[in-house]
C-alpha atoms as a PDB file:
ATOM      1  CA  MET A   1      30.159 -21.346  -2.111  1.00  0.00           C
ATOM      2  CA  THR A   2      26.728 -19.802  -1.667  1.00  0.00           C
ATOM      3  CA  VAL A   3      26.398 -16.055  -2.046  1.00  0.00           C
ATOM      4  CA  LEU A   4      23.390 -14.699  -0.167  1.00  0.00           C
ATOM      5  CA  GLN A   5      21.299 -11.893  -1.605  1.00  0.00           C
ATOM      6  CA  PRO A   6      19.106 -10.488   1.171  1.00  0.00           C
ATOM      7  CA  ASN A   7      16.984  -8.476  -1.281  1.00  0.00           C
ATOM      8  CA  LEU A   8      15.982 -11.573  -3.294  1.00  0.00           C
ATOM      9  CA  VAL A   9      12.623 -11.823  -1.535  1.00  0.00           C
ATOM     10  CA  ASP A  10      11.900  -8.205  -2.508  1.00  0.00           C
ATOM     11  CA  GLU A  11      12.761  -8.976  -6.132  1.00  0.00           C
ATOM     12  CA  VAL A  12      10.468 -12.016  -6.152  1.00  0.00           C
ATOM     13  CA  ARG A  13       7.625 -10.272  -4.361  1.00  0.00           C
ATOM     14  CA  ALA A  14       5.620  -8.780  -7.210  1.00  0.00           C
ATOM     15  CA  ASP A  15       3.047  -7.692  -4.663  1.00  0.00           C
ATOM     16  CA  GLU A  16       2.246  -8.333  -1.020  1.00  0.00           C
ATOM     17  CA  SER A  17       0.730 -11.767  -1.701  1.00  0.00           C
ATOM     18  CA  PHE A  18       4.100 -13.544  -1.457  1.00  0.00           C
ATOM     19  CA  ASN A  19       3.773 -14.996   2.047  1.00  0.00           C
ATOM     20  CA  ALA A  20       6.455 -17.683   2.037  1.00  0.00           C
ATOM     21  CA  SER A  21       7.643 -16.610   5.493  1.00  0.00           C
ATOM     22  CA  ALA A  22       4.450 -18.164   6.929  1.00  0.00           C
ATOM     23  CA  CYS A  23       5.674 -21.615   5.839  1.00  0.00           C
ATOM     24  CA  MET A  24       6.319 -23.882   8.842  1.00  0.00           C
ATOM     25  CA  ASN A  25       8.310 -26.348   6.726  1.00  0.00           C
ATOM     26  CA  CYS A  26       5.953 -29.164   7.788  1.00  0.00           C
ATOM     27  CA  GLY A  27       6.035 -30.976   4.416  1.00  0.00           C
ATOM     28  CA  VAL A  28       2.279 -31.401   3.889  1.00  0.00           C
ATOM     29  CA  CYS A  29       2.579 -29.660   0.518  1.00  0.00           C
ATOM     30  CA  THR A  30       5.275 -32.045  -0.620  1.00  0.00           C
ATOM     31  CA  ALA A  31       3.402 -35.132   0.565  1.00  0.00           C
ATOM     32  CA  ILE A  32       0.152 -34.208  -1.174  1.00  0.00           C
ATOM     33  CA  CYS A  33       1.561 -32.923  -4.481  1.00  0.00           C
ATOM     34  CA  PRO A  34       0.206 -35.005  -7.394  1.00  0.00           C
ATOM     35  CA  MET A  35       3.362 -34.197  -9.366  1.00  0.00           C
ATOM     36  CA  GLU A  36       5.557 -35.490  -6.543  1.00  0.00           C
ATOM     37  CA  LEU A  37       7.764 -32.403  -6.808  1.00  0.00           C
ATOM     38  CA  GLU A  38       9.836 -32.914  -3.713  1.00  0.00           C
ATOM     39  CA  HIS A  39      11.434 -29.462  -3.798  1.00  0.00           C
ATOM     40  CA  LEU A  40       8.232 -27.512  -4.143  1.00  0.00           C
ATOM     41  CA  PRO A  41       7.348 -25.409  -2.349  1.00  0.00           C
ATOM     42  CA  ARG A  42       9.008 -25.457   1.062  1.00  0.00           C
ATOM     43  CA  GLU A  43      12.618 -25.716  -0.090  1.00  0.00           C
ATOM     44  CA  ILE A  44      12.214 -23.217  -2.894  1.00  0.00           C
ATOM     45  CA  PHE A  45      10.478 -20.689  -0.643  1.00  0.00           C
ATOM     46  CA  ARG A  46      13.288 -21.083   1.871  1.00  0.00           C
ATOM     47  CA  TYR A  47      15.853 -20.317  -0.850  1.00  0.00           C
ATOM     48  CA  VAL A  48      14.019 -17.065  -1.585  1.00  0.00           C
ATOM     49  CA  LEU A  49      13.736 -16.074   2.070  1.00  0.00           C
ATOM     50  CA  LEU A  50      17.415 -16.794   2.705  1.00  0.00           C
ATOM     51  CA  GLY A  51      18.527 -14.983  -0.451  1.00  0.00           C
ATOM     52  CA  MET A  52      19.963 -18.119  -2.066  1.00  0.00           C
ATOM     53  CA  LYS A  53      19.524 -17.041  -5.681  1.00  0.00           C
ATOM     54  CA  GLU A  54      21.770 -19.668  -7.284  1.00  0.00           C
ATOM     55  CA  GLU A  55      19.872 -22.465  -5.546  1.00  0.00           C
ATOM     56  CA  LEU A  56      16.574 -20.906  -6.601  1.00  0.00           C
ATOM     57  CA  LEU A  57      17.695 -20.701 -10.215  1.00  0.00           C
ATOM     58  CA  GLN A  58      18.516 -24.414 -10.188  1.00  0.00           C
ATOM     59  CA  HIS A  59      14.822 -25.178  -9.599  1.00  0.00           C
ATOM     60  CA  GLN A  60      13.240 -23.228 -12.465  1.00  0.00           C
ATOM     61  CA  GLU A  61      11.925 -26.396 -14.059  1.00  0.00           C
ATOM     62  CA  THR A  62      10.253 -27.413 -10.798  1.00  0.00           C
ATOM     63  CA  VAL A  63       8.558 -24.011 -10.448  1.00  0.00           C
ATOM     64  CA  PHE A  64       7.181 -24.209 -13.979  1.00  0.00           C
ATOM     65  CA  SER A  65       6.148 -27.867 -13.543  1.00  0.00           C
ATOM     66  CA  CYS A  66       3.696 -27.032 -10.750  1.00  0.00           C
ATOM     67  CA  LEU A  67       0.096 -27.581 -11.873  1.00  0.00           C
ATOM     68  CA  LEU A  68      -1.248 -24.773  -9.657  1.00  0.00           C
ATOM     69  CA  CYS A  69      -3.972 -27.214  -8.607  1.00  0.00           C
ATOM     70  CA  LYS A  70      -4.037 -25.807  -5.043  1.00  0.00           C
ATOM     71  CA  MET A  71      -4.093 -29.226  -3.364  1.00  0.00           C
ATOM     72  CA  CYS A  72      -1.088 -28.129  -1.320  1.00  0.00           C
ATOM     73  CA  GLU A  73      -2.618 -24.752  -0.506  1.00  0.00           C
ATOM     74  CA  VAL A  74      -5.959 -26.163   0.637  1.00  0.00           C
ATOM     75  CA  ASN A  75      -4.173 -28.534   3.012  1.00  0.00           C
ATOM     76  CA  CYS A  76      -1.528 -26.100   4.281  1.00  0.00           C
ATOM     77  CA  PRO A  77      -1.913 -25.712   8.069  1.00  0.00           C
ATOM     78  CA  ALA A  78      -0.149 -22.335   7.974  1.00  0.00           C
ATOM     79  CA  GLY A  79      -2.390 -20.874   5.261  1.00  0.00           C
ATOM     80  CA  VAL A  80       0.476 -20.155   2.887  1.00  0.00           C
ATOM     81  CA  HIS A  81      -0.713 -18.867  -0.490  1.00  0.00           C
ATOM     82  CA  ILE A  82       1.364 -21.453  -2.296  1.00  0.00           C
ATOM     83  CA  THR A  83      -0.071 -21.008  -5.782  1.00  0.00           C
ATOM     84  CA  GLU A  84       0.282 -17.222  -5.610  1.00  0.00           C
ATOM     85  CA  ASN A  85       3.853 -17.664  -4.388  1.00  0.00           C
ATOM     86  CA  VAL A  86       4.591 -19.979  -7.315  1.00  0.00           C
ATOM     87  CA  ARG A  87       3.082 -17.425  -9.686  1.00  0.00           C
ATOM     88  CA  SER A  88       5.292 -14.747  -8.136  1.00  0.00           C
ATOM     89  CA  LEU A  89       8.322 -16.964  -8.721  1.00  0.00           C
ATOM     90  CA  ARG A  90       7.296 -17.519 -12.335  1.00  0.00           C
ATOM     91  CA  HIS A  91       6.921 -13.781 -12.839  1.00  0.00           C
ATOM     92  CA  TYR A  92      10.327 -13.268 -11.232  1.00  0.00           C
ATOM     93  CA  PHE A  93      11.936 -15.743 -13.631  1.00  0.00           C
ATOM     94  CA  ASP A  94      10.184 -14.071 -16.564  1.00  0.00           C
ATOM     95  CA  ARG A  95      11.301 -10.572 -15.498  1.00  0.00           C
ATOM     96  CA  LYS A  96      14.787 -11.188 -14.169  1.00  0.00           C
ATOM     97  CA  VAL A  97      16.021 -14.400 -15.756  1.00  0.00           C
ATOM     98  CA  PHE A  98      14.292 -14.695 -19.124  1.00  0.00           C
ATOM     99  CA  ARG A  99      13.746 -10.904 -19.426  1.00  0.00           C
ATOM    100  CA  ILE A 100      10.340 -11.278 -21.057  1.00  0.00           C
END
């Protein structure tokens, strides 16, 4: 059973640069990723936007595996700031999960 947490996006958003809602879910980012991380970023961003914290937490390794190379961002037709969003997720995990 999935418990939704509507304020999850506010917890992740360290600043106003988290623009995951602009994602059109087209899959260009997934197709071009040199790491072939199939869950990053469109699925993970969707988990945040929908407040699906448990699902998000299951993909910590994927978030930290991202190279931040910006290949996905440069090719994103919606102009999503993918690398900044990934950084925001990393900061969220550090603050809320790992409590660093």
